[in-house]
Amino acid sequence: MTALRADDAAAAQPSETAALYPSKTVWTVMALGFFAIVFEGYDLVVYGACVPALLAEPGWGLTPPQVGLIGSAALLGMFAGAPFAGWLADRFGRRLVFIGLLTLFSIMMIAAAYAPTPQTLGLARFFAGLGFGGLPPTVAALIVEFAPPKRKVLFSAITFTSFGFGGILAGALAFNLIDKIGFRGLFAFGGLPLVTLIPLVYWLLPESPSFRKSSGAPGTPGQSFNPWDGVIRGGALPATTLFSLANLFSFLMVFGVLTWIPQLMRGAGLGAAAAIFLPVFSLGGIIGALSGGWAADRFGARRVVTAQYLICALSLGLLTVSAPLPVTGLLMFIAGAAANQSVLFTYVATHYGPQSRATAGGVTQGIGRLGAGAGPLLGGLLVGAGAGFGGNVALFAAAAVCAAIAAFLVPRPAPMASKTAG
């Protein structure tokens, strides 16, 4: 039985929900989005794996709070870039914005690899963040439109498992190569889309059909819609506010964990074995995205997102209990599975109509990136203040609970809504 819930008023238009595109087109869009998010996941997660090398970099003399501040630079860039990129995608086309975002963050990752000072590194990471920020809402908008009507959350979740694969790749390369190529080599790897993925996107990615129908062609003057109308006007504002809060607390928790938990576990006596928890957390995110997408298409994204973040909070809290290494690894796996954000992203995308969904995703994720910037910074401040492992875990678990509450309180839209987000 498929119990689909209504939570997308504007997207309920028959022209969209009944649309079926050739399987080849659907899988092409998913594959390109998948590999784009792999590189985003790698570029974001690899910073946490580079923290010990940055603290030990000769001549830089960085402290934990300063490393946290540099880690927040990319995330603050995402805060600035996500709403603007989402608006551009709704206004001028998803394809053009997709290519521009990939190009920007690839160039900036190479710039980070050659940064001569911590300040230059922070600046490169900030501009890379402008590209990182707009990619998920653009990809989510494309997937939701091209996916079969009753599989929107699952297909989006499959695509966003790529963030976990990017995290696994970052952890694996860092574990095996950081002593040989240093943090600079790991950052440079993030520039590969320039010669691999971007040419394929230019060649293969189709433009959004709903965008073509509403505007005639990318950038056509006199387009009759304003994407902001469906995001902040009338009854949309409470939902946008709560989605923003859910993203903020979710990002605070995820990026705080990714940046500081491995280093704190190393200091708590696990030594080099602590490095395995980044890929374990990311692997959990892959499994959680697939199972969460499957469940959300049947029981509604509201229920699934709420349950996921509560489970995440419980798993993080249990990490403070002394346990054998396999049990700690299992808790990190469960926390990663419950912390994945793909269902939340699709919850947002399906809640809004096709003319506003990239803008909505950009706004809510952009505000969420404030939390992503605050997570590493607050973690660094807690470490500097001596709060240690327990203080960080308590902060991140509390953030997960707040994300669950915000997602649960999102008001339902009109009954004509799309049946994917309830």
Protein backbone atom coordinates (compact mmCIF):
# COMPACT_ATOMS: atom_id res chain seq x y z
CA MET A 1 0.00 0.00 0.00
CA THR A 2 1.25 3.49 -0.83
CA ALA A 3 0.03 6.09 1.66
CA LEU A 4 1.10 9.34 0.03
CA ARG A 5 0.54 12.59 1.91
CA ALA A 6 -0.35 16.04 0.61
CA ASP A 7 2.20 18.75 1.28
CA ASP A 8 2.76 20.65 -1.94
CA ALA A 9 -0.02 23.01 -2.87
CA ALA A 10 1.43 24.66 -5.93
CA ALA A 11 3.08 21.56 -7.32
CA ALA A 12 -0.26 19.82 -7.57
CA GLN A 13 -0.84 21.17 -11.03
CA PRO A 14 -1.91 18.27 -13.26
CA SER A 15 0.54 19.30 -15.98
CA GLU A 16 3.41 18.58 -13.61
CA THR A 17 2.25 15.67 -11.50
CA ALA A 18 1.10 13.70 -14.53
CA ALA A 19 4.28 14.30 -16.52
CA LEU A 20 6.34 11.24 -17.40
CA TYR A 21 9.70 11.65 -19.09
CA PRO A 22 11.72 9.00 -20.94
CA SER A 23 13.69 6.78 -18.58
CA LYS A 24 16.92 7.72 -20.34
CA THR A 25 16.30 11.41 -19.60
CA VAL A 26 15.40 10.76 -15.96
CA TRP A 27 18.51 8.66 -15.33
CA THR A 28 20.73 11.14 -17.14
CA VAL A 29 19.51 14.00 -14.94
CA MET A 30 19.95 11.85 -11.83
CA ALA A 31 23.45 10.73 -12.82
CA LEU A 32 24.69 14.25 -13.49
CA GLY A 33 23.16 15.52 -10.24
CA PHE A 34 24.62 12.54 -8.40
CA PHE A 35 28.21 13.15 -9.47
CA ALA A 36 27.92 16.90 -8.91
CA ILE A 37 26.87 16.29 -5.30
CA VAL A 38 29.67 13.70 -4.91
CA PHE A 39 32.18 16.48 -5.51
CA GLU A 40 30.29 18.87 -3.23
CA GLY A 41 30.24 16.23 -0.50
CA TYR A 42 33.94 15.55 -0.96
CA ASP A 43 34.87 19.23 -0.90
CA LEU A 44 32.88 19.92 2.26
CA VAL A 45 33.78 16.79 4.23
CA VAL A 46 37.47 16.79 3.33
CA TYR A 47 38.00 19.94 5.39
CA GLY A 48 37.22 18.07 8.59
CA ALA A 49 39.71 15.36 7.62
CA CYS A 50 42.35 18.07 7.08
CA VAL A 51 41.94 19.68 10.53
CA PRO A 52 44.94 17.88 12.12
CA ALA A 53 47.16 18.86 9.15
CA LEU A 54 45.99 22.47 9.31
CA LEU A 55 46.71 22.65 13.04
CA ALA A 56 50.22 21.30 12.35
CA GLU A 57 50.97 23.45 9.26
CA PRO A 58 54.40 25.06 9.78
CA GLY A 59 54.32 28.83 10.02
CA TRP A 60 50.54 29.13 10.34
CA GLY A 61 50.19 28.51 14.06
CA LEU A 62 46.44 27.95 13.90
CA THR A 63 44.36 27.37 17.03
CA PRO A 64 41.19 25.22 17.15
CA PRO A 65 38.86 28.27 17.07
CA GLN A 66 40.74 29.64 14.05
CA VAL A 67 40.45 26.32 12.22
CA GLY A 68 36.75 26.34 13.03
CA LEU A 69 36.46 29.86 11.64
CA ILE A 70 38.13 28.85 8.36
CA GLY A 71 35.85 25.80 8.24
CA SER A 72 32.88 28.12 8.57
CA ALA A 73 34.01 30.28 5.63
CA ALA A 74 32.71 27.89 2.97
CA LEU A 75 29.49 27.49 4.87
CA LEU A 76 28.98 31.25 5.16
CA GLY A 77 29.56 31.43 1.42
CA MET A 78 26.81 28.85 1.03
CA PHE A 79 24.51 31.07 3.07
CA ALA A 80 25.10 33.90 0.62
CA GLY A 81 25.08 31.76 -2.52
CA ALA A 82 22.11 29.46 -1.99
CA PRO A 83 19.20 31.97 -2.12
CA PHE A 84 20.72 33.88 -5.02
CA ALA A 85 21.49 30.73 -7.02
CA GLY A 86 18.00 29.35 -6.35
CA TRP A 87 16.43 32.55 -7.62
CA LEU A 88 18.68 32.49 -10.70
CA ALA A 89 17.71 28.88 -11.39
CA ASP A 90 13.99 29.71 -11.26
CA ARG A 91 14.45 32.90 -13.27
CA PHE A 92 17.01 31.95 -15.93
CA GLY A 93 17.04 28.18 -16.03
CA ARG A 94 18.43 25.27 -14.00
CA ARG A 95 20.93 24.14 -16.64
CA LEU A 96 22.86 27.41 -16.90
CA VAL A 97 23.06 27.81 -13.13
CA PHE A 98 24.10 24.16 -12.66
CA ILE A 99 27.10 24.65 -14.98
CA GLY A 100 28.08 27.96 -13.36
CA LEU A 101 28.01 26.55 -9.83
CA LEU A 102 30.15 23.55 -10.74
CA THR A 103 32.69 25.78 -12.45
CA LEU A 104 32.91 28.21 -9.53
CA PHE A 105 33.52 25.74 -6.74
CA SER A 106 35.96 23.67 -8.83
CA ILE A 107 38.15 26.71 -9.52
CA MET A 108 38.00 27.78 -5.89
CA MET A 109 39.04 24.34 -4.62
CA ILE A 110 42.18 24.62 -6.76
CA ALA A 111 42.74 28.12 -5.36
CA ALA A 112 42.43 26.70 -1.83
CA ALA A 113 45.07 24.10 -2.65
CA TYR A 114 47.56 26.86 -3.48
CA ALA A 115 46.59 29.24 -0.65
CA PRO A 116 49.77 30.82 0.80
CA THR A 117 48.15 31.96 4.07
CA PRO A 118 45.24 30.97 6.32
CA GLN A 119 43.44 34.16 5.26
CA THR A 120 43.74 33.24 1.59
CA LEU A 121 42.51 29.74 2.34
CA GLY A 122 39.47 31.13 4.15
CA LEU A 123 38.71 33.46 1.23
CA ALA A 124 38.96 30.63 -1.33
CA ARG A 125 36.70 28.46 0.81
CA PHE A 126 34.18 31.29 1.08
CA PHE A 127 33.94 31.68 -2.70
CA ALA A 128 33.79 27.91 -3.12
CA GLY A 129 30.85 28.03 -0.73
CA LEU A 130 28.98 30.33 -3.10
CA GLY A 131 29.03 27.43 -5.55
CA PHE A 132 28.33 24.73 -2.96
CA GLY A 133 25.29 26.56 -1.65
CA GLY A 134 23.27 26.73 -4.84
CA LEU A 135 23.88 23.21 -6.07
CA PRO A 136 21.54 21.14 -3.83
CA PRO A 137 18.38 23.27 -4.41
CA THR A 138 19.09 23.33 -8.16
CA VAL A 139 19.57 19.57 -8.28
CA ALA A 140 16.51 18.97 -6.08
CA ALA A 141 14.35 21.15 -8.34
CA LEU A 142 15.46 19.17 -11.41
CA ILE A 143 14.98 15.74 -9.83
CA VAL A 144 11.52 16.52 -8.43
CA GLU A 145 10.38 17.63 -11.86
CA PHE A 146 11.80 14.75 -13.89
CA ALA A 147 11.12 11.91 -11.40
CA PRO A 148 7.94 9.77 -11.65
CA PRO A 149 5.10 11.35 -9.62
CA LYS A 150 5.01 8.62 -6.95
CA ARG A 151 8.77 8.30 -6.60
CA LYS A 152 9.91 11.90 -6.25
CA VAL A 153 11.37 11.56 -2.74
CA LEU A 154 13.01 8.20 -3.45
CA PHE A 155 14.63 9.39 -6.70
CA SER A 156 15.82 12.55 -4.99
CA ALA A 157 17.16 10.49 -2.09
CA ILE A 158 19.05 8.21 -4.48
CA THR A 159 20.64 11.26 -6.07
CA PHE A 160 21.58 12.83 -2.72
CA THR A 161 23.21 9.65 -1.43
CA SER A 162 26.09 11.01 -3.45
CA PHE A 163 26.94 13.41 -0.62
CA GLY A 164 27.70 10.36 1.50
CA PHE A 165 29.84 8.85 -1.25
CA GLY A 166 31.72 12.15 -1.42
CA GLY A 167 32.26 11.97 2.33
CA ILE A 168 33.50 8.39 2.10
CA LEU A 169 35.87 9.39 -0.70
CA ALA A 170 37.17 12.30 1.40
CA GLY A 171 37.74 10.11 4.44
CA ALA A 172 39.39 7.32 2.44
CA LEU A 173 41.76 9.64 0.57
CA ALA A 174 42.62 11.53 3.75
CA PHE A 175 43.32 8.32 5.66
CA ASN A 176 45.60 6.95 2.94
CA LEU A 177 47.16 10.03 1.36
CA ILE A 178 47.24 13.01 3.70
CA ASP A 179 50.74 12.09 4.93
CA LYS A 180 51.90 11.99 1.29
CA ILE A 181 50.09 14.87 -0.43
CA GLY A 182 48.98 16.97 2.54
CA PHE A 183 45.85 19.04 2.76
CA ARG A 184 46.81 20.88 -0.45
CA GLY A 185 46.67 17.72 -2.53
CA LEU A 186 43.32 16.79 -1.02
CA PHE A 187 41.89 20.23 -1.82
CA ALA A 188 43.24 20.09 -5.39
CA PHE A 189 41.37 16.84 -6.00
CA GLY A 190 38.15 18.86 -5.61
CA GLY A 191 38.91 20.69 -8.87
CA LEU A 192 38.44 17.58 -11.03
CA PRO A 193 34.93 18.55 -12.28
CA LEU A 194 36.59 21.17 -14.51
CA VAL A 195 37.89 18.45 -16.82
CA THR A 196 35.47 15.61 -16.08
CA LEU A 197 31.91 16.51 -15.12
CA ILE A 198 31.36 19.99 -16.53
CA PRO A 199 31.81 18.94 -20.18
CA LEU A 200 29.28 16.14 -19.64
CA VAL A 201 26.75 18.48 -18.03
CA TYR A 202 27.10 20.93 -20.91
CA TRP A 203 26.54 18.13 -23.41
CA LEU A 204 23.83 16.02 -21.73
CA LEU A 205 21.79 18.00 -19.18
CA PRO A 206 18.32 19.07 -20.45
CA GLU A 207 16.61 22.22 -19.28
CA SER A 208 13.66 21.99 -16.91
CA PRO A 209 10.44 21.50 -18.95
CA SER A 210 8.36 23.61 -16.57
CA PHE A 211 10.88 26.43 -16.91
CA ARG A 212 10.71 26.22 -20.70
CA LYS A 213 6.92 26.29 -20.59
CA SER A 214 6.73 29.25 -18.21
CA SER A 215 9.41 31.38 -19.78
CA GLY A 216 9.86 30.27 -23.35
CA ALA A 217 13.66 30.26 -23.06
CA PRO A 218 16.29 30.99 -20.42
CA GLY A 219 16.50 34.68 -19.72
CA THR A 220 13.49 35.62 -21.83
CA PRO A 221 12.54 39.22 -20.94
CA GLY A 222 9.13 39.81 -19.49
CA GLN A 223 8.71 36.50 -17.68
CA SER A 224 5.31 36.62 -16.01
CA PHE A 225 6.24 35.12 -12.64
CA ASN A 226 8.20 36.18 -9.61
CA PRO A 227 9.71 33.16 -7.80
CA TRP A 228 9.63 35.01 -4.47
CA ASP A 229 5.82 35.19 -4.53
CA GLY A 230 5.53 31.47 -3.82
CA VAL A 231 8.13 31.59 -1.03
CA ILE A 232 7.35 34.55 1.24
CA ARG A 233 3.88 35.80 0.39
CA GLY A 234 0.66 34.83 2.10
CA GLY A 235 0.50 31.41 3.67
CA ALA A 236 3.93 30.41 2.36
CA LEU A 237 5.87 32.47 4.89
CA PRO A 238 5.28 30.28 8.00
CA ALA A 239 6.33 27.15 6.08
CA THR A 240 9.43 28.89 4.71
CA THR A 241 10.37 30.07 8.22
CA LEU A 242 10.04 26.59 9.73
CA PHE A 243 11.85 24.91 6.83
CA SER A 244 14.65 27.43 7.32
CA LEU A 245 14.90 26.61 11.01
CA ALA A 246 14.90 22.86 10.30
CA ASN A 247 17.74 23.36 7.84
CA LEU A 248 19.64 25.65 10.22
CA PHE A 249 19.65 23.17 13.11
CA SER A 250 20.26 20.22 10.80
CA PHE A 251 23.27 21.85 9.17
CA LEU A 252 24.65 22.95 12.55
CA MET A 253 24.53 19.37 13.75
CA VAL A 254 25.89 17.71 10.57
CA PHE A 255 28.82 20.03 9.94
CA GLY A 256 29.69 20.32 13.60
CA VAL A 257 29.93 16.53 13.77
CA LEU A 258 31.91 16.27 10.53
CA THR A 259 34.41 18.91 11.61
CA TRP A 260 35.05 18.08 15.26
CA ILE A 261 33.91 14.58 16.26
CA PRO A 262 36.84 12.73 14.59
CA GLN A 263 39.39 15.07 16.21
CA LEU A 264 37.66 14.82 19.60
CA MET A 265 37.48 11.02 19.40
CA ARG A 266 41.19 10.98 18.59
CA GLY A 267 41.85 13.05 21.70
CA ALA A 268 39.57 10.80 23.77
CA GLY A 269 41.91 7.87 23.28
CA LEU A 270 40.85 6.28 20.00
CA GLY A 271 43.98 7.50 18.20
CA ALA A 272 44.22 6.95 14.45
CA ALA A 273 41.13 4.71 14.53
CA ALA A 274 39.04 7.88 14.93
CA ALA A 275 39.62 8.61 11.23
CA ILE A 276 37.25 5.79 10.26
CA PHE A 277 34.26 7.58 11.74
CA LEU A 278 34.00 10.09 8.87
CA PRO A 279 33.38 7.36 6.26
CA VAL A 280 31.19 5.42 8.72
CA PHE A 281 29.02 8.50 9.31
CA SER A 282 28.84 9.11 5.55
CA LEU A 283 28.00 5.48 4.78
CA GLY A 284 25.17 5.74 7.25
CA GLY A 285 23.96 8.79 5.35
CA ILE A 286 23.73 6.75 2.15
CA ILE A 287 21.64 4.00 3.75
CA GLY A 288 19.52 6.56 5.59
CA ALA A 289 18.80 8.51 2.41
CA LEU A 290 17.59 5.41 0.56
CA SER A 291 15.48 4.07 3.40
CA GLY A 292 14.20 7.56 4.26
CA GLY A 293 13.24 8.26 0.64
CA TRP A 294 11.40 4.95 0.40
CA ALA A 295 9.56 5.62 3.64
CA ALA A 296 8.72 9.25 2.80
CA ASP A 297 7.02 8.28 -0.47
CA ARG A 298 4.75 6.00 1.57
CA PHE A 299 4.25 7.71 4.91
CA GLY A 300 5.07 11.35 4.22
CA ALA A 301 8.26 13.36 4.52
CA ARG A 302 7.06 15.21 7.64
CA ARG A 303 6.91 12.02 9.69
CA VAL A 304 10.13 10.60 8.31
CA VAL A 305 12.20 13.78 8.78
CA THR A 306 10.92 14.18 12.35
CA ALA A 307 11.72 10.57 13.24
CA GLN A 308 15.15 10.71 11.62
CA TYR A 309 16.38 13.70 13.58
CA LEU A 310 15.08 12.33 16.89
CA ILE A 311 16.93 9.07 16.25
CA CYS A 312 20.04 11.05 15.36
CA ALA A 313 19.88 12.97 18.66
CA LEU A 314 19.57 9.73 20.62
CA SER A 315 22.49 8.10 18.80
CA LEU A 316 24.74 11.11 19.36
CA GLY A 317 23.82 11.20 23.03
CA LEU A 318 24.76 7.54 23.45
CA LEU A 319 28.25 8.27 22.11
CA THR A 320 29.11 9.75 25.50
CA VAL A 321 28.62 6.34 27.11
CA SER A 322 31.85 4.33 27.27
CA ALA A 323 31.51 1.43 24.81
CA PRO A 324 33.69 -0.89 22.69
CA LEU A 325 34.88 0.47 19.35
CA PRO A 326 32.36 -1.57 17.26
CA VAL A 327 29.44 -0.20 19.31
CA THR A 328 30.73 3.35 18.90
CA GLY A 329 31.03 2.75 15.17
CA LEU A 330 27.46 1.45 15.03
CA LEU A 331 26.18 4.55 16.83
CA MET A 332 28.04 6.78 14.37
CA PHE A 333 26.52 4.80 11.49
CA ILE A 334 22.99 5.22 12.90
CA ALA A 335 23.59 8.92 13.56
CA GLY A 336 24.78 9.38 9.96
CA ALA A 337 21.76 7.49 8.61
CA ALA A 338 19.37 9.63 10.61
CA ALA A 339 21.22 12.89 9.93
CA ASN A 340 21.01 12.71 6.13
CA GLN A 341 19.32 15.75 4.65
CA SER A 342 18.00 14.42 1.34
CA VAL A 343 14.45 13.86 2.62
CA LEU A 344 14.39 17.34 4.14
CA PHE A 345 15.58 18.87 0.84
CA THR A 346 12.87 17.01 -1.09
CA TYR A 347 10.28 17.86 1.55
CA VAL A 348 10.98 21.51 0.70
CA ALA A 349 11.08 20.97 -3.07
CA THR A 350 7.74 19.16 -3.17
CA HIS A 351 6.07 21.65 -0.85
CA TYR A 352 6.44 24.52 -3.38
CA GLY A 353 5.35 24.89 -6.99
CA PRO A 354 7.70 24.43 -9.97
CA GLN A 355 8.14 28.18 -10.50
CA SER A 356 9.41 28.73 -6.94
CA ARG A 357 10.93 25.50 -5.69
CA ALA A 358 14.58 26.28 -6.49
CA THR A 359 14.17 29.69 -4.82
CA ALA A 360 12.52 28.04 -1.81
CA GLY A 361 15.29 25.46 -1.59
CA GLY A 362 17.91 28.18 -1.91
CA VAL A 363 16.36 30.38 0.78
CA THR A 364 15.79 27.61 3.32
CA GLN A 365 19.15 25.96 2.71
CA GLY A 366 20.88 29.35 2.59
CA ILE A 367 19.56 30.23 6.03
CA GLY A 368 20.44 26.70 7.06
CA ARG A 369 24.06 27.37 6.11
CA LEU A 370 24.24 29.81 9.00
CA GLY A 371 23.92 26.72 11.14
CA ALA A 372 26.54 24.97 9.03
CA GLY A 373 28.88 27.88 9.69
CA ALA A 374 28.00 28.00 13.37
CA GLY A 375 28.53 24.27 13.96
CA PRO A 376 32.31 24.17 13.35
CA LEU A 377 32.76 27.57 15.00
CA LEU A 378 30.82 26.67 18.15
CA GLY A 379 32.59 23.31 18.28
CA GLY A 380 35.94 25.07 18.13
CA LEU A 381 34.93 27.48 20.87
CA LEU A 382 33.81 24.59 23.07
CA VAL A 383 37.09 22.79 22.48
CA GLY A 384 39.02 25.94 23.30
CA ALA A 385 36.98 26.36 26.48
CA GLY A 386 37.72 22.81 27.57
CA ALA A 387 34.19 21.43 27.10
CA GLY A 388 35.61 18.55 25.08
CA PHE A 389 33.74 15.61 23.61
CA GLY A 390 30.71 15.65 25.92
CA GLY A 391 29.99 19.34 25.42
CA ASN A 392 30.12 19.06 21.64
CA VAL A 393 27.91 15.97 21.56
CA ALA A 394 25.31 17.67 23.77
CA LEU A 395 25.24 20.71 21.47
CA PHE A 396 24.84 18.67 18.29
CA ALA A 397 22.20 16.35 19.78
CA ALA A 398 20.15 19.35 20.94
CA ALA A 399 20.35 20.80 17.42
CA ALA A 400 18.96 17.55 15.98
CA VAL A 401 15.98 17.73 18.34
CA CYS A 402 15.28 21.32 17.29
CA ALA A 403 15.41 20.30 13.62
CA ALA A 404 12.85 17.56 14.28
CA ILE A 405 10.47 19.99 16.02
CA ALA A 406 10.69 22.59 13.23
CA ALA A 407 10.05 20.02 10.48
CA PHE A 408 7.06 18.59 12.34
CA LEU A 409 5.46 22.03 12.77
CA VAL A 410 5.49 22.97 9.04
CA PRO A 411 1.84 23.73 8.17
CA ARG A 412 0.17 21.66 5.52
CA PRO A 413 -0.71 23.49 2.30
CA ALA A 414 -4.03 23.40 0.48
CA PRO A 415 -5.66 20.00 -0.16
CA MET A 416 -4.81 20.15 -3.90
CA ALA A 417 -1.18 19.57 -3.04
CA SER A 418 1.19 17.03 -4.51
CA LYS A 419 1.22 13.69 -2.72
CA THR A 420 4.80 13.42 -1.69
CA ALA A 421 5.56 15.36 1.43
CA GLY A 422 2.89 14.90 4.10
